[in-house]
Amino acid sequence: MRQTCRRRPGVRAKVCLLLALLLALLSPSRARAEPFELEGRPGELGAVIYPATGPGGHRVTVVLHGMCGEPLYTCSHFAARVNEAGEHLVCPRASQRCNGGGASWAATGFEEQIERAVTRAEAALGPTVDGSHGRTLIGYSLGAFRALEVAQHAGGKYPRVMLVGARLLPSAKRLRENGVERLLLSAGAFDMTFQHMQREAQRLAHHGMSARFLGLGKVGHGLTPSFADYLSEALAWLRTPDVPVTS
């Protein structure tokens, strides 16, 4: 049986597994499949994976956590809704360890590292991966900045992108050139990025992007249990193809 946090030996592995299960039980966005972890290797990121269940191929959603975050915790807010949408969830772990715990994204070199981590995850998931529709990319806080850079250089790998809680300045031109078809910006009403992301979504839509802003209710910058209530709507919009305008 695959085990969460299997990179930690002995008693620490058991403690880590119990904590992971407790997080899953307490979260309203409880995942339906047991997560498993790919160990990090020299120069390569580790990743936590929540596999989709059911027959057939499944698309892949990639989530990038925030500053000094942990993919297991961050992705506990995403896992159930992503799996219910019939998609695998892949959550790479950033390369720079924080003194107080968690990890942060490096300023450079992260694009290649993220791609290698996702490729390894898809290889571990095997023939259950459906890559014919591209991947969905979601970034939270600092992870949103890194996700935007990935999307603007991905060459069509991520047609669907969601960015949460960050003062970003996306380029409609670069996004279109790199195959981004839908962009969702999102923040809570008490998040200092709320109005900025709202304006950016309007600006991008004015420049021809299929862009939208989604408010997350009366919450601040952190991910809260209510986030799952908005995620289903977000994922449904991202997966809905635009209907060509006919004269």
Foldseek 3Di string as FASTA:
>chain_A
DAAAPVVDDDPVSVVVRVVLVVLLVPFPLRAPADKHKADADVVAWIKIKRAADDDAAAEEEEEEEAAQDDQSNVCSLPRNLCSVVRHMYIYTAADAADPVHGGHHDPDDVLVRVVVNVVVVDVVVPPNHDQPQAYAYEYAHNRLVVSLVNQLPVQQRHLHYEYEQYLDQHDLVSNVRSNHQEYEYEYEPAEPCQVNSQVNQVVSVVVPHNYYYDYQYHDYRDDDSSNSVCVNVSVVVRPDHDDDDDD
